């Protein structure tokens, strides 16, 4: 589990076994830069975290 959590720290992290919001965003920002497009990134996150980006999702937050 510690190894998994430390993956989110990356080069800027502190390997404290905790994932801050900033570390989480930095991790996925770094990953997104290596993907072909935004749609691929969304599908990757949906698959990894089992959280569909879907308008019919009652738990989805509006960005408007």
PDB file of N, CA and C in Angstrom:
ATOM      1  N   UNK A   1       0.823  -1.186   0.000  1.00  0.00           N
ATOM      2  CA  UNK A   1       0.000   0.000   0.000  1.00  0.00           C
ATOM      3  C   UNK A   1       0.869   1.253   0.000  1.00  0.00           C
ATOM      4  N   UNK A   2       1.947   1.228   0.778  1.00  0.00           N
ATOM      5  CA  UNK A   2       2.836   2.391   0.837  1.00  0.00           C
ATOM      6  C   UNK A   2       3.431   2.688  -0.529  1.00  0.00           C
ATOM      7  N   UNK A   3       3.817   1.646  -1.248  1.00  0.00           N
ATOM      8  CA  UNK A   3       4.384   1.842  -2.588  1.00  0.00           C
ATOM      9  C   UNK A   3       3.354   2.477  -3.517  1.00  0.00           C
ATOM     10  N   UNK A   4       2.105   2.013  -3.442  1.00  0.00           N
ATOM     11  CA  UNK A   4       1.036   2.594  -4.246  1.00  0.00           C
ATOM     12  C   UNK A   4       0.862   4.077  -3.929  1.00  0.00           C
ATOM     13  N   UNK A   5       0.798   4.397  -2.648  1.00  0.00           N
ATOM     14  CA  UNK A   5       0.611   5.794  -2.244  1.00  0.00           C
ATOM     15  C   UNK A   5       1.789   6.663  -2.654  1.00  0.00           C
ATOM     16  N   UNK A   6       2.992   6.128  -2.554  1.00  0.00           N
ATOM     17  CA  UNK A   6       4.181   6.902  -2.908  1.00  0.00           C
ATOM     18  C   UNK A   6       4.250   7.202  -4.398  1.00  0.00           C
ATOM     19  N   UNK A   7       3.566   6.409  -5.240  1.00  0.00           N
ATOM     20  CA  UNK A   7       3.518   6.714  -6.673  1.00  0.00           C
ATOM     21  C   UNK A   7       2.907   8.083  -6.931  1.00  0.00           C
ATOM     22  N   UNK A   8       1.986   8.501  -6.092  1.00  0.00           N
ATOM     23  CA  UNK A   8       1.344   9.799  -6.268  1.00  0.00           C
ATOM     24  C   UNK A   8       2.272  10.947  -5.889  1.00  0.00           C
ATOM     25  N   UNK A   9       3.294  10.676  -5.130  1.00  0.00           N
ATOM     26  CA  UNK A   9       4.219  11.729  -4.729  1.00  0.00           C
ATOM     27  C   UNK A   9       5.083  12.207  -5.889  1.00  0.00           C
ATOM     28  N   UNK A  10       5.490  11.293  -6.758  1.00  0.00           N
ATOM     29  CA  UNK A  10       6.319  11.668  -7.893  1.00  0.00           C
ATOM     30  C   UNK A  10       7.593  12.374  -7.461  1.00  0.00           C
ATOM     31  N   UNK A  11       8.146  13.156  -8.349  1.00  0.00           N
ATOM     32  CA  UNK A  11       9.410  13.851  -8.085  1.00  0.00           C
ATOM     33  C   UNK A  11       9.255  14.949  -7.046  1.00  0.00           C
ATOM     34  N   UNK A  12       8.054  15.494  -6.913  1.00  0.00           N
ATOM     35  CA  UNK A  12       7.833  16.610  -5.988  1.00  0.00           C
ATOM     36  C   UNK A  12       7.339  16.163  -4.617  1.00  0.00           C
ATOM     37  N   UNK A  13       7.066  14.862  -4.467  1.00  0.00           N
ATOM     38  CA  UNK A  13       6.424  14.381  -3.249  1.00  0.00           C
ATOM     39  C   UNK A  13       7.366  14.192  -2.075  1.00  0.00           C
ATOM     40  N   UNK A  14       6.763  13.841  -0.948  1.00  0.00           N
ATOM     41  CA  UNK A  14       7.531  13.679   0.284  1.00  0.00           C
ATOM     42  C   UNK A  14       7.478  12.258   0.839  1.00  0.00           C
ATOM     43  N   UNK A  15       6.807  11.327   0.122  1.00  0.00           N
ATOM     44  CA  UNK A  15       6.708   9.924   0.531  1.00  0.00           C
ATOM     45  C   UNK A  15       6.263   9.771   1.978  1.00  0.00           C
ATOM     46  N   UNK A  16       5.216  10.492   2.354  1.00  0.00           N
ATOM     47  CA  UNK A  16       4.721  10.426   3.736  1.00  0.00           C
ATOM     48  C   UNK A  16       3.577   9.428   3.903  1.00  0.00           C
ATOM     49  N   UNK A  17       3.211   8.720   2.820  1.00  0.00           N
ATOM     50  CA  UNK A  17       2.130   7.750   2.909  1.00  0.00           C
ATOM     51  C   UNK A  17       0.748   8.366   2.831  1.00  0.00           C
ATOM     52  N   UNK A  18       0.682   9.657   2.544  1.00  0.00           N
ATOM     53  CA  UNK A  18      -0.593  10.362   2.409  1.00  0.00           C
ATOM     54  C   UNK A  18      -0.629  11.033   1.051  1.00  0.00           C
ATOM     55  N   UNK A  19      -1.831  11.136   0.492  1.00  0.00           N
ATOM     56  CA  UNK A  19      -1.993  11.800  -0.805  1.00  0.00           C
ATOM     57  C   UNK A  19      -2.785  13.072  -0.589  1.00  0.00           C
ATOM     58  N   UNK A  20      -2.131  14.204  -0.780  1.00  0.00           N
ATOM     59  CA  UNK A  20      -2.837  15.482  -0.683  1.00  0.00           C
ATOM     60  C   UNK A  20      -3.557  15.742  -1.999  1.00  0.00           C
ATOM     61  N   UNK A  21      -4.493  16.661  -1.972  1.00  0.00           N
ATOM     62  CA  UNK A  21      -5.196  17.040  -3.194  1.00  0.00           C
ATOM     63  C   UNK A  21      -4.197  17.544  -4.238  1.00  0.00           C
ATOM     64  N   UNK A  22      -3.225  18.312  -3.796  1.00  0.00           N
ATOM     65  CA  UNK A  22      -2.210  18.842  -4.714  1.00  0.00           C
ATOM     66  C   UNK A  22      -1.398  17.706  -5.340  1.00  0.00           C
ATOM     67  N   UNK A  23      -0.995  16.720  -4.546  1.00  0.00           N
ATOM     68  CA  UNK A  23      -0.237  15.576  -5.078  1.00  0.00           C
ATOM     69  C   UNK A  23      -1.076  14.790  -6.086  1.00  0.00           C
ATOM     70  N   UNK A  24      -2.355  14.608  -5.775  1.00  0.00           N
ATOM     71  CA  UNK A  24      -3.259  13.889  -6.679  1.00  0.00           C
ATOM     72  C   UNK A  24      -3.369  14.618  -8.011  1.00  0.00           C
ATOM     73  N   UNK A  25      -3.618  15.929  -7.960  1.00  0.00           N
ATOM     74  CA  UNK A  25      -3.732  16.718  -9.191  1.00  0.00           C
ATOM     75  C   UNK A  25      -2.420  16.751  -9.967  1.00  0.00           C
ATOM     76  N   UNK A  26      -1.293  16.906  -9.278  1.00  0.00           N
ATOM     77  CA  UNK A  26       0.009  16.915  -9.950  1.00  0.00           C
ATOM     78  C   UNK A  26       0.278  15.590 -10.656  1.00  0.00           C
ATOM     79  N   UNK A  27      -0.058  14.486  -9.991  1.00  0.00           N
ATOM     80  CA  UNK A  27       0.146  13.154 -10.565  1.00  0.00           C
ATOM     81  C   UNK A  27      -0.615  13.016 -11.875  1.00  0.00           C
ATOM     82  N   UNK A  28      -1.900  13.367 -11.852  1.00  0.00           N
ATOM     83  CA  UNK A  28      -2.698  13.214 -13.063  1.00  0.00           C
ATOM     84  C   UNK A  28      -2.416  14.294 -14.103  1.00  0.00           C
ATOM     85  N   UNK A  29      -1.910  15.434 -13.705  1.00  0.00           N
ATOM     86  CA  UNK A  29      -1.460  16.441 -14.669  1.00  0.00           C
ATOM     87  C   UNK A  29      -0.273  15.901 -15.447  1.00  0.00           C
ATOM     88  N   UNK A  30       0.670  15.292 -14.730  1.00  0.00           N
ATOM     89  CA  UNK A  30       1.848  14.707 -15.382  1.00  0.00           C
ATOM     90  C   UNK A  30       1.446  13.586 -16.341  1.00  0.00           C
ATOM     91  N   UNK A  31       0.519  12.741 -15.921  1.00  0.00           N
ATOM     92  CA  UNK A  31       0.073  11.642 -16.781  1.00  0.00           C
ATOM     93  C   UNK A  31      -0.643  12.183 -18.015  1.00  0.00           C
ATOM     94  N   UNK A  32      -1.501  13.171 -17.834  1.00  0.00           N
ATOM     95  CA  UNK A  32      -2.300  13.677 -18.955  1.00  0.00           C
ATOM     96  C   UNK A  32      -1.441  14.265 -20.066  1.00  0.00           C
ATOM     97  N   UNK A  33      -0.274  14.779 -19.720  1.00  0.00           N
ATOM     98  CA  UNK A  33       0.601  15.365 -20.740  1.00  0.00           C
ATOM     99  C   UNK A  33       1.162  14.311 -21.684  1.00  0.00           C
ATOM    100  N   UNK A  34       1.115  13.040 -21.296  1.00  0.00           N
ATOM    101  CA  UNK A  34       1.660  11.966 -22.123  1.00  0.00           C
ATOM    102  C   UNK A  34       0.592  11.181 -22.872  1.00  0.00           C
ATOM    103  N   UNK A  35      -0.640  11.649 -22.837  1.00  0.00           N
ATOM    104  CA  UNK A  35      -1.735  10.958 -23.507  1.00  0.00           C
ATOM    105  C   UNK A  35      -2.131  11.708 -24.766  1.00  0.00           C
ATOM    106  N   UNK A  36      -2.680  10.985 -25.736  1.00  0.00           N
ATOM    107  CA  UNK A  36      -2.962  11.606 -27.034  1.00  0.00           C
ATOM    108  C   UNK A  36      -4.029  12.699 -27.023  1.00  0.00           C
ATOM    109  N   UNK A  37      -5.040  12.583 -26.141  1.00  0.00           N
ATOM    110  CA  UNK A  37      -6.097  13.605 -26.131  1.00  0.00           C
ATOM    111  C   UNK A  37      -6.892  13.532 -24.827  1.00  0.00           C
ATOM    112  N   UNK A  38      -7.751  14.517 -24.627  1.00  0.00           N
ATOM    113  CA  UNK A  38      -8.543  14.597 -23.401  1.00  0.00           C
ATOM    114  C   UNK A  38      -9.519  13.439 -23.268  1.00  0.00           C
ATOM    115  N   UNK A  39     -10.099  12.999 -24.372  1.00  0.00           N
ATOM    116  CA  UNK A  39     -11.060  11.901 -24.323  1.00  0.00           C
ATOM    117  C   UNK A  39     -10.404  10.625 -23.801  1.00  0.00           C
ATOM    118  N   UNK A  40      -9.180  10.379 -24.240  1.00  0.00           N
ATOM    119  CA  UNK A  40      -8.440   9.203 -23.770  1.00  0.00           C
ATOM    120  C   UNK A  40      -8.183   9.317 -22.266  1.00  0.00           C
ATOM    121  N   UNK A  41      -7.826  10.505 -21.816  1.00  0.00           N
ATOM    122  CA  UNK A  41      -7.570  10.747 -20.390  1.00  0.00           C
ATOM    123  C   UNK A  41      -8.830  10.475 -19.568  1.00  0.00           C
ATOM    124  N   UNK A  42      -9.970  10.971 -20.027  1.00  0.00           N
ATOM    125  CA  UNK A  42     -11.232  10.758 -19.310  1.00  0.00           C
ATOM    126  C   UNK A  42     -11.548   9.269 -19.238  1.00  0.00           C
ATOM    127  N   UNK A  43     -11.409   8.564 -20.342  1.00  0.00           N
ATOM    128  CA  UNK A  43     -11.681   7.122 -20.353  1.00  0.00           C
ATOM    129  C   UNK A  43     -10.740   6.377 -19.408  1.00  0.00           C
ATOM    130  N   UNK A  44      -9.480   6.799 -19.361  1.00  0.00           N
ATOM    131  CA  UNK A  44      -8.523   6.167 -18.467  1.00  0.00           C
ATOM    132  C   UNK A  44      -8.951   6.349 -17.008  1.00  0.00           C
ATOM    133  N   UNK A  45      -9.351   7.564 -16.644  1.00  0.00           N
ATOM    134  CA  UNK A  45      -9.797   7.823 -15.267  1.00  0.00           C
ATOM    135  C   UNK A  45     -11.086   7.072 -14.946  1.00  0.00           C
ATOM    136  N   UNK A  46     -12.013   7.053 -15.886  1.00  0.00           N
ATOM    137  CA  UNK A  46     -13.262   6.321 -15.668  1.00  0.00           C
ATOM    138  C   UNK A  46     -12.979   4.839 -15.415  1.00  0.00           C
ATOM    139  N   UNK A  47     -12.083   4.288 -16.186  1.00  0.00           N
ATOM    140  CA  UNK A  47     -11.738   2.878 -16.041  1.00  0.00           C
ATOM    141  C   UNK A  47     -10.987   2.606 -14.739  1.00  0.00           C
ATOM    142  N   UNK A  48     -10.046   3.471 -14.409  1.00  0.00           N
ATOM    143  CA  UNK A  48      -9.229   3.274 -13.210  1.00  0.00           C
ATOM    144  C   UNK A  48     -10.023   3.425 -11.925  1.00  0.00           C
ATOM    145  N   UNK A  49     -10.854   4.430 -11.866  1.00  0.00           N
ATOM    146  CA  UNK A  49     -11.557   4.758 -10.625  1.00  0.00           C
ATOM    147  C   UNK A  49     -13.030   4.367 -10.637  1.00  0.00           C
ATOM    148  N   UNK A  50     -13.506   3.777 -11.730  1.00  0.00           N
ATOM    149  CA  UNK A  50     -14.905   3.356 -11.845  1.00  0.00           C
ATOM    150  C   UNK A  50     -15.864   4.506 -11.528  1.00  0.00           C
ATOM    151  N   UNK A  51     -15.564   5.663 -12.143  1.00  0.00           N
ATOM    152  CA  UNK A  51     -16.392   6.852 -11.928  1.00  0.00           C
ATOM    153  C   UNK A  51     -16.701   7.480 -13.284  1.00  0.00           C
ATOM    154  N   UNK A  52     -17.841   7.131 -13.848  1.00  0.00           N
ATOM    155  CA  UNK A  52     -18.161   7.644 -15.185  1.00  0.00           C
ATOM    156  C   UNK A  52     -18.394   9.146 -15.207  1.00  0.00           C
ATOM    157  N   UNK A  53     -17.910   9.766 -16.258  1.00  0.00           N
ATOM    158  CA  UNK A  53     -18.212  11.176 -16.491  1.00  0.00           C
ATOM    159  C   UNK A  53     -19.465  11.196 -17.353  1.00  0.00           C
ATOM    160  N   UNK A  54     -20.593  11.253 -16.680  1.00  0.00           N
ATOM    161  CA  UNK A  54     -21.859  11.088 -17.363  1.00  0.00           C
ATOM    162  C   UNK A  54     -22.862  12.072 -16.790  1.00  0.00           C
ATOM    163  N   UNK A  55     -23.603  12.742 -17.649  1.00  0.00           N
ATOM    164  CA  UNK A  55     -24.591  13.718 -17.201  1.00  0.00           C
ATOM    165  C   UNK A  55     -25.699  13.104 -16.350  1.00  0.00           C
ATOM    166  N   UNK A  56     -25.953  11.816 -16.535  1.00  0.00           N
ATOM    167  CA  UNK A  56     -27.023  11.169 -15.775  1.00  0.00           C
ATOM    168  C   UNK A  56     -26.557  10.737 -14.376  1.00  0.00           C
ATOM    169  N   UNK A  57     -25.288  10.929 -14.078  1.00  0.00           N
ATOM    170  CA  UNK A  57     -24.754  10.565 -12.766  1.00  0.00           C
ATOM    171  C   UNK A  57     -25.244  11.560 -11.719  1.00  0.00           C
ATOM    172  N   UNK A  58     -26.051  11.111 -10.752  1.00  0.00           N
ATOM    173  CA  UNK A  58     -26.582  12.060  -9.755  1.00  0.00           C
ATOM    174  C   UNK A  58     -25.528  12.630  -8.833  1.00  0.00           C
ATOM    175  N   UNK A  59     -24.352  12.018  -8.789  1.00  0.00           N
ATOM    176  CA  UNK A  59     -23.289  12.490  -7.906  1.00  0.00           C
ATOM    177  C   UNK A  59     -22.288  13.381  -8.621  1.00  0.00           C
ATOM    178  N   UNK A  60     -22.425  13.539  -9.930  1.00  0.00           N
ATOM    179  CA  UNK A  60     -21.509  14.383 -10.697  1.00  0.00           C
ATOM    180  C   UNK A  60     -21.758  15.840 -10.343  1.00  0.00           C
ATOM    181  N   UNK A  61     -20.673  16.581 -10.180  1.00  0.00           N
ATOM    182  CA  UNK A  61     -20.783  18.005  -9.860  1.00  0.00           C
ATOM    183  C   UNK A  61     -20.819  18.806 -11.146  1.00  0.00           C
ATOM    184  N   UNK A  62     -21.653  19.796 -11.166  1.00  0.00           N
ATOM    185  CA  UNK A  62     -21.757  20.667 -12.318  1.00  0.00           C
ATOM    186  C   UNK A  62     -20.568  21.618 -12.344  1.00  0.00           C
ATOM    187  N   UNK A  63     -20.069  21.889 -13.549  1.00  0.00           N
ATOM    188  CA  UNK A  63     -18.966  22.833 -13.701  1.00  0.00           C
ATOM    189  C   UNK A  63     -19.479  24.175 -14.198  1.00  0.00           C
ATOM    190  N   UNK A  64     -20.789  24.332 -14.284  1.00  0.00           N
ATOM    191  CA  UNK A  64     -21.391  25.562 -14.776  1.00  0.00           C
ATOM    192  C   UNK A  64     -21.620  26.520 -13.639  1.00  0.00           C
TER     193      UNK A  64
END
